[in-house]
PDB file of all heavy atoms in Angstrom:
ATOM      1  N   GLY A   1      14.654  -4.928  17.055  1.00  0.00           N
ATOM      2  CA  GLY A   1      14.778  -5.826  18.164  1.00  0.00           C
ATOM      3  C   GLY A   1      13.886  -7.100  18.031  1.00  0.00           C
ATOM      4  O   GLY A   1      14.017  -7.745  16.924  1.00  0.00           O
ATOM      5  N   LYS A   2      12.926  -7.289  18.811  1.00  0.00           N
ATOM      6  CA  LYS A   2      12.067  -8.468  18.746  1.00  0.00           C
ATOM      7  C   LYS A   2      10.734  -8.051  18.162  1.00  0.00           C
ATOM      8  O   LYS A   2       9.860  -8.952  17.977  1.00  0.00           O
ATOM      9  CB  LYS A   2      11.863  -9.187  20.093  1.00  0.00           C
ATOM     10  CG  LYS A   2      13.092  -9.785  20.670  1.00  0.00           C
ATOM     11  CD  LYS A   2      12.850 -10.534  21.965  1.00  0.00           C
ATOM     12  CE  LYS A   2      14.090 -11.182  22.461  1.00  0.00           C
ATOM     13  NZ  LYS A   2      13.908 -11.943  23.777  1.00  0.00           N
ATOM     14  N   LYS A   3      10.537  -6.755  17.926  1.00  0.00           N
ATOM     15  CA  LYS A   3       9.282  -6.253  17.427  1.00  0.00           C
ATOM     16  C   LYS A   3       9.226  -6.305  15.869  1.00  0.00           C
ATOM     17  O   LYS A   3       9.935  -5.579  15.187  1.00  0.00           O
ATOM     18  CB  LYS A   3       9.031  -4.905  17.916  1.00  0.00           C
ATOM     19  CG  LYS A   3       7.632  -4.251  17.470  1.00  0.00           C
ATOM     20  CD  LYS A   3       7.415  -2.904  18.057  1.00  0.00           C
ATOM     21  CE  LYS A   3       6.150  -2.391  17.517  1.00  0.00           C
ATOM     22  NZ  LYS A   3       4.899  -3.106  17.585  1.00  0.00           N
ATOM     23  N   GLN A   4       8.316  -7.151  15.351  1.00  0.00           N
ATOM     24  CA  GLN A   4       8.164  -7.189  13.873  1.00  0.00           C
ATOM     25  C   GLN A   4       7.253  -5.997  13.389  1.00  0.00           C
ATOM     26  O   GLN A   4       6.240  -5.786  14.062  1.00  0.00           O
ATOM     27  CB  GLN A   4       7.609  -8.440  13.436  1.00  0.00           C
ATOM     28  CG  GLN A   4       7.535  -8.685  11.951  1.00  0.00           C
ATOM     29  CD  GLN A   4       7.187 -10.140  11.453  1.00  0.00           C
ATOM     30  OE1 GLN A   4       7.232 -10.926  12.351  1.00  0.00           O
ATOM     31  NE2 GLN A   4       7.116 -10.322  10.180  1.00  0.00           N
ATOM     32  N   VAL A   5       7.738  -5.328  12.388  1.00  0.00           N
ATOM     33  CA  VAL A   5       7.002  -4.119  11.912  1.00  0.00           C
ATOM     34  C   VAL A   5       6.457  -4.407  10.447  1.00  0.00           C
ATOM     35  O   VAL A   5       5.311  -4.000  10.184  1.00  0.00           O
ATOM     36  CB  VAL A   5       7.950  -2.955  11.839  1.00  0.00           C
ATOM     37  CG1 VAL A   5       7.181  -1.775  11.238  1.00  0.00           C
ATOM     38  CG2 VAL A   5       8.340  -2.570  13.218  1.00  0.00           C
ATOM     39  N   LEU A   6       7.107  -5.079   9.596  1.00  0.00           N
ATOM     40  CA  LEU A   6       6.695  -5.411   8.261  1.00  0.00           C
ATOM     41  C   LEU A   6       6.410  -6.902   8.130  1.00  0.00           C
ATOM     42  O   LEU A   6       7.123  -7.775   8.586  1.00  0.00           O
ATOM     43  CB  LEU A   6       7.752  -4.984   7.289  1.00  0.00           C
ATOM     44  CG  LEU A   6       8.162  -3.479   7.194  1.00  0.00           C
ATOM     45  CD1 LEU A   6       9.194  -3.245   6.138  1.00  0.00           C
ATOM     46  CD2 LEU A   6       6.925  -2.658   6.874  1.00  0.00           C
ATOM     47  N   PHE A   7       5.281  -7.175   7.467  1.00  0.00           N
ATOM     48  CA  PHE A   7       4.819  -8.489   7.297  1.00  0.00           C
ATOM     49  C   PHE A   7       4.544  -8.819   5.848  1.00  0.00           C
ATOM     50  O   PHE A   7       3.487  -8.620   5.314  1.00  0.00           O
ATOM     51  CB  PHE A   7       3.538  -8.704   8.106  1.00  0.00           C
ATOM     52  CG  PHE A   7       3.622  -8.420   9.575  1.00  0.00           C
ATOM     53  CD1 PHE A   7       3.495  -7.178  10.031  1.00  0.00           C
ATOM     54  CD2 PHE A   7       3.917  -9.541  10.450  1.00  0.00           C
ATOM     55  CE1 PHE A   7       3.599  -6.945  11.421  1.00  0.00           C
ATOM     56  CE2 PHE A   7       3.992  -9.243  11.807  1.00  0.00           C
ATOM     57  CZ  PHE A   7       3.864  -7.951  12.350  1.00  0.00           C
ATOM     58  N   GLY A   8       5.570  -9.366   5.173  1.00  0.00           N
ATOM     59  CA  GLY A   8       5.421  -9.768   3.822  1.00  0.00           C
ATOM     60  C   GLY A   8       5.162  -8.630   2.774  1.00  0.00           C
ATOM     61  O   GLY A   8       4.313  -8.881   1.896  1.00  0.00           O
ATOM     62  N   VAL A   9       5.828  -7.593   2.921  1.00  0.00           N
ATOM     63  CA  VAL A   9       5.544  -6.441   1.991  1.00  0.00           C
ATOM     64  C   VAL A   9       6.331  -6.638   0.761  1.00  0.00           C
ATOM     65  O   VAL A   9       7.461  -6.958   0.564  1.00  0.00           O
ATOM     66  CB  VAL A   9       6.104  -5.136   2.750  1.00  0.00           C
ATOM     67  CG1 VAL A   9       6.172  -3.984   1.646  1.00  0.00           C
ATOM     68  CG2 VAL A   9       5.278  -4.690   3.816  1.00  0.00           C
ATOM     69  N   SER A  10       5.531  -6.412  -0.389  1.00  0.00           N
ATOM     70  CA  SER A  10       6.075  -6.449  -1.683  1.00  0.00           C
ATOM     71  C   SER A  10       5.759  -5.147  -2.484  1.00  0.00           C
ATOM     72  O   SER A  10       4.640  -4.685  -2.326  1.00  0.00           O
ATOM     73  CB  SER A  10       5.465  -7.675  -2.541  1.00  0.00           C
ATOM     74  OG  SER A  10       5.893  -8.840  -1.919  1.00  0.00           O
ATOM     75  N   LEU A  11       6.724  -4.580  -3.187  1.00  0.00           N
ATOM     76  CA  LEU A  11       6.505  -3.390  -3.980  1.00  0.00           C
ATOM     77  C   LEU A  11       7.609  -3.272  -4.993  1.00  0.00           C
ATOM     78  O   LEU A  11       8.611  -3.960  -4.828  1.00  0.00           O
ATOM     79  CB  LEU A  11       6.274  -2.163  -3.151  1.00  0.00           C
ATOM     80  CG  LEU A  11       7.514  -1.614  -2.313  1.00  0.00           C
ATOM     81  CD1 LEU A  11       8.412  -0.827  -3.083  1.00  0.00           C
ATOM     82  CD2 LEU A  11       7.016  -0.892  -1.115  1.00  0.00           C
ATOM     83  N   GLU A  12       7.418  -2.395  -5.951  1.00  0.00           N
ATOM     84  CA  GLU A  12       8.422  -2.085  -6.919  1.00  0.00           C
ATOM     85  C   GLU A  12       8.472  -0.696  -7.357  1.00  0.00           C
ATOM     86  O   GLU A  12       7.386  -0.003  -7.268  1.00  0.00           O
ATOM     87  CB  GLU A  12       8.313  -3.083  -8.247  1.00  0.00           C
ATOM     88  CG  GLU A  12       7.034  -2.871  -8.956  1.00  0.00           C
ATOM     89  CD  GLU A  12       6.987  -3.762 -10.134  1.00  0.00           C
ATOM     90  OE1 GLU A  12       7.519  -4.894 -10.085  1.00  0.00           O
ATOM     91  OE2 GLU A  12       6.443  -3.351 -11.155  1.00  0.00           O
ATOM     92  N   VAL A  13       9.579  -0.158  -7.790  1.00  0.00           N
ATOM     93  CA  VAL A  13       9.763   1.138  -8.284  1.00  0.00           C
ATOM     94  C   VAL A  13      10.513   1.021  -9.643  1.00  0.00           C
ATOM     95  O   VAL A  13      11.586   0.462  -9.714  1.00  0.00           O
ATOM     96  CB  VAL A  13      10.664   2.089  -7.380  1.00  0.00           C
ATOM     97  CG1 VAL A  13      10.775   3.458  -7.990  1.00  0.00           C
ATOM     98  CG2 VAL A  13       9.937   2.136  -6.004  1.00  0.00           C
ATOM     99  N   ARG A  14       9.900   1.495 -10.702  1.00  0.00           N
ATOM    100  CA  ARG A  14      10.468   1.406 -12.015  1.00  0.00           C
ATOM    101  C   ARG A  14      11.364   2.658 -12.295  1.00  0.00           C
ATOM    102  O   ARG A  14      11.206   3.604 -11.562  1.00  0.00           O
ATOM    103  CB  ARG A  14       9.360   1.361 -13.091  1.00  0.00           C
ATOM    104  CG  ARG A  14       8.496  -0.015 -12.934  1.00  0.00           C
ATOM    105  CD  ARG A  14       7.312   0.073 -13.769  1.00  0.00           C
ATOM    106  NE  ARG A  14       6.457  -1.029 -13.586  1.00  0.00           N
ATOM    107  CZ  ARG A  14       5.326  -1.279 -14.188  1.00  0.00           C
ATOM    108  NH1 ARG A  14       4.764  -0.320 -14.914  1.00  0.00           N
ATOM    109  NH2 ARG A  14       4.593  -2.287 -13.957  1.00  0.00           N
ATOM    110  N   PRO A  15      12.288   2.559 -13.277  1.00  0.00           N
ATOM    111  CA  PRO A  15      13.149   3.679 -13.551  1.00  0.00           C
ATOM    112  C   PRO A  15      12.390   4.936 -13.878  1.00  0.00           C
ATOM    113  O   PRO A  15      11.352   4.903 -14.694  1.00  0.00           O
ATOM    114  CB  PRO A  15      13.864   3.165 -14.818  1.00  0.00           C
ATOM    115  CG  PRO A  15      13.964   1.688 -14.651  1.00  0.00           C
ATOM    116  CD  PRO A  15      12.570   1.331 -14.044  1.00  0.00           C
ATOM    117  N   GLY A  16      12.671   5.993 -13.321  1.00  0.00           N
ATOM    118  CA  GLY A  16      12.124   7.315 -13.557  1.00  0.00           C
ATOM    119  C   GLY A  16      10.778   7.521 -12.957  1.00  0.00           C
ATOM    120  O   GLY A  16      10.106   8.530 -13.217  1.00  0.00           O
ATOM    121  N   GLU A  17      10.328   6.627 -12.130  1.00  0.00           N
ATOM    122  CA  GLU A  17       8.991   6.605 -11.480  1.00  0.00           C
ATOM    123  C   GLU A  17       8.985   7.270 -10.163  1.00  0.00           C
ATOM    124  O   GLU A  17       9.912   7.200  -9.456  1.00  0.00           O
ATOM    125  CB  GLU A  17       8.468   5.181 -11.419  1.00  0.00           C
ATOM    126  CG  GLU A  17       6.936   5.013 -10.994  1.00  0.00           C
ATOM    127  CD  GLU A  17       6.512   3.625 -11.167  1.00  0.00           C
ATOM    128  OE1 GLU A  17       7.264   2.711 -10.576  1.00  0.00           O
ATOM    129  OE2 GLU A  17       5.471   3.320 -11.779  1.00  0.00           O
ATOM    130  N   VAL A  18       7.750   7.963  -9.822  1.00  0.00           N
ATOM    131  CA  VAL A  18       7.646   8.422  -8.478  1.00  0.00           C
ATOM    132  C   VAL A  18       6.589   7.522  -7.804  1.00  0.00           C
ATOM    133  O   VAL A  18       5.440   7.464  -8.259  1.00  0.00           O
ATOM    134  CB  VAL A  18       7.109   9.974  -8.456  1.00  0.00           C
ATOM    135  CG1 VAL A  18       6.820  10.429  -7.019  1.00  0.00           C
ATOM    136  CG2 VAL A  18       8.093  10.784  -9.138  1.00  0.00           C
ATOM    137  N   VAL A  19       7.015   6.850  -6.702  1.00  0.00           N
ATOM    138  CA  VAL A  19       6.119   6.013  -5.989  1.00  0.00           C
ATOM    139  C   VAL A  19       5.952   6.527  -4.651  1.00  0.00           C
ATOM    140  O   VAL A  19       6.898   6.849  -3.854  1.00  0.00           O
ATOM    141  CB  VAL A  19       6.746   4.564  -5.947  1.00  0.00           C
ATOM    142  CG1 VAL A  19       5.893   3.664  -5.038  1.00  0.00           C
ATOM    143  CG2 VAL A  19       6.801   4.019  -7.340  1.00  0.00           C
ATOM    144  N   ALA A  20       4.674   6.551  -4.168  1.00  0.00           N
ATOM    145  CA  ALA A  20       4.378   7.144  -2.817  1.00  0.00           C
ATOM    146  C   ALA A  20       3.977   6.013  -1.885  1.00  0.00           C
ATOM    147  O   ALA A  20       3.307   4.991  -2.246  1.00  0.00           O
ATOM    148  CB  ALA A  20       3.119   8.111  -2.927  1.00  0.00           C
ATOM    149  N   LEU A  21       4.413   6.054  -0.611  1.00  0.00           N
ATOM    150  CA  LEU A  21       4.054   5.195   0.384  1.00  0.00           C
ATOM    151  C   LEU A  21       3.264   6.059   1.430  1.00  0.00           C
ATOM    152  O   LEU A  21       3.761   6.955   2.035  1.00  0.00           O
ATOM    153  CB  LEU A  21       5.289   4.606   1.159  1.00  0.00           C
ATOM    154  CG  LEU A  21       6.229   3.707   0.299  1.00  0.00           C
ATOM    155  CD1 LEU A  21       7.377   3.281   1.158  1.00  0.00           C
ATOM    156  CD2 LEU A  21       5.511   2.514  -0.264  1.00  0.00           C
ATOM    157  N   ILE A  22       2.014   5.698   1.685  1.00  0.00           N
ATOM    158  CA  ILE A  22       1.150   6.350   2.570  1.00  0.00           C
ATOM    159  C   ILE A  22       0.573   5.474   3.554  1.00  0.00           C
ATOM    160  O   ILE A  22       0.555   4.275   3.428  1.00  0.00           O
ATOM    161  CB  ILE A  22       0.045   7.119   1.787  1.00  0.00           C
ATOM    162  CG1 ILE A  22      -0.949   6.112   1.129  1.00  0.00           C
ATOM    163  CG2 ILE A  22       0.587   8.053   0.680  1.00  0.00           C
ATOM    164  CD1 ILE A  22      -2.162   6.659   0.471  1.00  0.00           C
ATOM    165  N   GLY A  23      -0.033   6.073   4.613  1.00  0.00           N
ATOM    166  CA  GLY A  23      -0.636   5.278   5.652  1.00  0.00           C
ATOM    167  C   GLY A  23      -0.411   5.974   7.035  1.00  0.00           C
ATOM    168  O   GLY A  23       0.428   6.897   7.183  1.00  0.00           O
ATOM    169  N   PRO A  24      -1.090   5.471   8.064  1.00  0.00           N
ATOM    170  CA  PRO A  24      -1.046   6.094   9.417  1.00  0.00           C
ATOM    171  C   PRO A  24       0.377   5.777   9.982  1.00  0.00           C
ATOM    172  O   PRO A  24       1.110   4.927   9.560  1.00  0.00           O
ATOM    173  CB  PRO A  24      -2.136   5.347  10.131  1.00  0.00           C
ATOM    174  CG  PRO A  24      -2.276   4.064   9.458  1.00  0.00           C
ATOM    175  CD  PRO A  24      -2.037   4.343   8.057  1.00  0.00           C
ATOM    176  N   ASN A  25       0.693   6.594  11.026  1.00  0.00           N
ATOM    177  CA  ASN A  25       1.962   6.409  11.778  1.00  0.00           C
ATOM    178  C   ASN A  25       1.971   4.915  12.275  1.00  0.00           C
ATOM    179  O   ASN A  25       1.017   4.446  12.762  1.00  0.00           O
ATOM    180  CB  ASN A  25       2.045   7.286  12.904  1.00  0.00           C
ATOM    181  CG  ASN A  25       2.317   8.760  12.479  1.00  0.00           C
ATOM    182  OD1 ASN A  25       2.998   8.986  11.404  1.00  0.00           O
ATOM    183  ND2 ASN A  25       1.775   9.784  13.175  1.00  0.00           N
ATOM    184  N   GLY A  26       3.218   4.378  12.327  1.00  0.00           N
ATOM    185  CA  GLY A  26       3.311   3.054  12.718  1.00  0.00           C
ATOM    186  C   GLY A  26       3.005   1.964  11.753  1.00  0.00           C
ATOM    187  O   GLY A  26       3.061   0.775  12.044  1.00  0.00           O
ATOM    188  N   GLY A  27       2.754   2.347  10.459  1.00  0.00           N
ATOM    189  CA  GLY A  27       2.316   1.407   9.502  1.00  0.00           C
ATOM    190  C   GLY A  27       3.479   0.689   8.844  1.00  0.00           C
ATOM    191  O   GLY A  27       3.308  -0.281   8.199  1.00  0.00           O
ATOM    192  N   GLY A  28       4.721   1.233   9.066  1.00  0.00           N
ATOM    193  CA  GLY A  28       5.920   0.519   8.506  1.00  0.00           C
ATOM    194  C   GLY A  28       6.540   1.232   7.313  1.00  0.00           C
ATOM    195  O   GLY A  28       7.498   0.711   6.701  1.00  0.00           O
ATOM    196  N   LYS A  29       5.940   2.465   6.951  1.00  0.00           N
ATOM    197  CA  LYS A  29       6.496   3.118   5.779  1.00  0.00           C
ATOM    198  C   LYS A  29       8.007   3.466   5.826  1.00  0.00           C
ATOM    199  O   LYS A  29       8.766   3.146   4.945  1.00  0.00           O
ATOM    200  CB  LYS A  29       5.741   4.409   5.542  1.00  0.00           C
ATOM    201  CG  LYS A  29       4.299   4.251   5.496  1.00  0.00           C
ATOM    202  CD  LYS A  29       3.433   5.536   5.234  1.00  0.00           C
ATOM    203  CE  LYS A  29       3.639   6.591   6.325  1.00  0.00           C
ATOM    204  NZ  LYS A  29       3.254   6.090   7.670  1.00  0.00           N
ATOM    205  N   SER A  30       8.388   4.110   6.953  1.00  0.00           N
ATOM    206  CA  SER A  30       9.732   4.559   7.080  1.00  0.00           C
ATOM    207  C   SER A  30      10.741   3.329   7.242  1.00  0.00           C
ATOM    208  O   SER A  30      11.848   3.329   6.808  1.00  0.00           O
ATOM    209  CB  SER A  30       9.906   5.396   8.341  1.00  0.00           C
ATOM    210  OG  SER A  30       9.248   6.589   8.115  1.00  0.00           O
ATOM    211  N   THR A  31      10.132   2.257   7.827  1.00  0.00           N
ATOM    212  CA  THR A  31      10.944   0.984   7.973  1.00  0.00           C
ATOM    213  C   THR A  31      11.305   0.399   6.686  1.00  0.00           C
ATOM    214  O   THR A  31      12.403  -0.118   6.486  1.00  0.00           O
ATOM    215  CB  THR A  31      10.117   0.051   8.845  1.00  0.00           C
ATOM    216  OG1 THR A  31       9.766   0.533  10.115  1.00  0.00           O
ATOM    217  CG2 THR A  31      10.905  -1.281   9.069  1.00  0.00           C
ATOM    218  N   ILE A  32      10.448   0.526   5.687  1.00  0.00           N
ATOM    219  CA  ILE A  32      10.737   0.083   4.308  1.00  0.00           C
ATOM    220  C   ILE A  32      12.021   0.761   3.797  1.00  0.00           C
ATOM    221  O   ILE A  32      12.945   0.175   3.357  1.00  0.00           O
ATOM    222  CB  ILE A  32       9.529   0.190   3.328  1.00  0.00           C
ATOM    223  CG1 ILE A  32       8.417  -0.621   3.734  1.00  0.00           C
ATOM    224  CG2 ILE A  32       9.916  -0.019   1.879  1.00  0.00           C
ATOM    225  CD1 ILE A  32       7.228  -0.449   2.975  1.00  0.00           C
ATOM    226  N   LEU A  33      12.030   2.065   3.902  1.00  0.00           N
ATOM    227  CA  LEU A  33      13.197   2.885   3.421  1.00  0.00           C
ATOM    228  C   LEU A  33      14.508   2.538   4.132  1.00  0.00           C
ATOM    229  O   LEU A  33      15.484   2.332   3.488  1.00  0.00           O
ATOM    230  CB  LEU A  33      12.884   4.443   3.598  1.00  0.00           C
ATOM    231  CG  LEU A  33      11.643   4.976   2.989  1.00  0.00           C
ATOM    232  CD1 LEU A  33      11.727   6.487   3.010  1.00  0.00           C
ATOM    233  CD2 LEU A  33      11.461   4.542   1.527  1.00  0.00           C
ATOM    234  N   LYS A  34      14.382   2.282   5.466  1.00  0.00           N
ATOM    235  CA  LYS A  34      15.565   1.974   6.217  1.00  0.00           C
ATOM    236  C   LYS A  34      16.033   0.549   5.868  1.00  0.00           C
ATOM    237  O   LYS A  34      17.311   0.379   5.817  1.00  0.00           O
ATOM    238  CB  LYS A  34      15.248   1.981   7.697  1.00  0.00           C
ATOM    239  CG  LYS A  34      14.861   3.438   8.226  1.00  0.00           C
ATOM    240  CD  LYS A  34      14.521   3.433   9.645  1.00  0.00           C
ATOM    241  CE  LYS A  34      14.172   4.864  10.156  1.00  0.00           C
ATOM    242  NZ  LYS A  34      13.652   4.942  11.524  1.00  0.00           N
ATOM    243  N   ALA A  35      15.153  -0.355   5.570  1.00  0.00           N
ATOM    244  CA  ALA A  35      15.631  -1.677   5.144  1.00  0.00           C
ATOM    245  C   ALA A  35      16.287  -1.682   3.768  1.00  0.00           C
ATOM    246  O   ALA A  35      17.299  -2.238   3.603  1.00  0.00           O
ATOM    247  CB  ALA A  35      14.405  -2.639   5.145  1.00  0.00           C
ATOM    248  N   VAL A  36      15.754  -0.850   2.938  1.00  0.00           N
ATOM    249  CA  VAL A  36      16.296  -0.774   1.544  1.00  0.00           C
ATOM    250  C   VAL A  36      17.740  -0.087   1.618  1.00  0.00           C
ATOM    251  O   VAL A  36      18.706  -0.451   0.950  1.00  0.00           O
ATOM    252  CB  VAL A  36      15.375   0.033   0.548  1.00  0.00           C
ATOM    253  CG1 VAL A  36      16.140   0.361  -0.760  1.00  0.00           C
ATOM    254  CG2 VAL A  36      14.122  -0.705   0.299  1.00  0.00           C
ATOM    255  N   CYS A  37      17.749   0.982   2.425  1.00  0.00           N
ATOM    256  CA  CYS A  37      19.042   1.631   2.598  1.00  0.00           C
ATOM    257  C   CYS A  37      20.124   0.855   3.268  1.00  0.00           C
ATOM    258  O   CYS A  37      21.319   1.076   3.000  1.00  0.00           O
ATOM    259  CB  CYS A  37      18.740   2.942   3.442  1.00  0.00           C
ATOM    260  SG  CYS A  37      20.146   4.008   3.582  1.00  0.00           S
ATOM    261  N   GLY A  38      19.777  -0.072   4.115  1.00  0.00           N
ATOM    262  CA  GLY A  38      20.722  -0.914   4.821  1.00  0.00           C
ATOM    263  C   GLY A  38      20.905  -0.536   6.237  1.00  0.00           C
ATOM    264  O   GLY A  38      21.783  -0.990   6.891  1.00  0.00           O
ATOM    265  N   LEU A  39      20.036   0.340   6.732  1.00  0.00           N
ATOM    266  CA  LEU A  39      20.187   0.882   8.101  1.00  0.00           C
ATOM    267  C   LEU A  39      19.563  -0.187   9.066  1.00  0.00           C
ATOM    268  O   LEU A  39      19.962  -0.144  10.272  1.00  0.00           O
ATOM    269  CB  LEU A  39      19.375   2.160   8.256  1.00  0.00           C
ATOM    270  CG  LEU A  39      19.939   3.357   7.580  1.00  0.00           C
ATOM    271  CD1 LEU A  39      19.009   4.529   7.612  1.00  0.00           C
ATOM    272  CD2 LEU A  39      21.253   3.743   8.219  1.00  0.00           C
TER     273      LEU A  39
END
């Protein structure tokens, strides 16, 4: 809606790599996945 959750986030995942996103609830971790997925 009008609520901004992510503010200039940059990251990368290389082929075959396991990358972890950690942090407290409400930090925007799941929002990153939804944006990448197209949800």
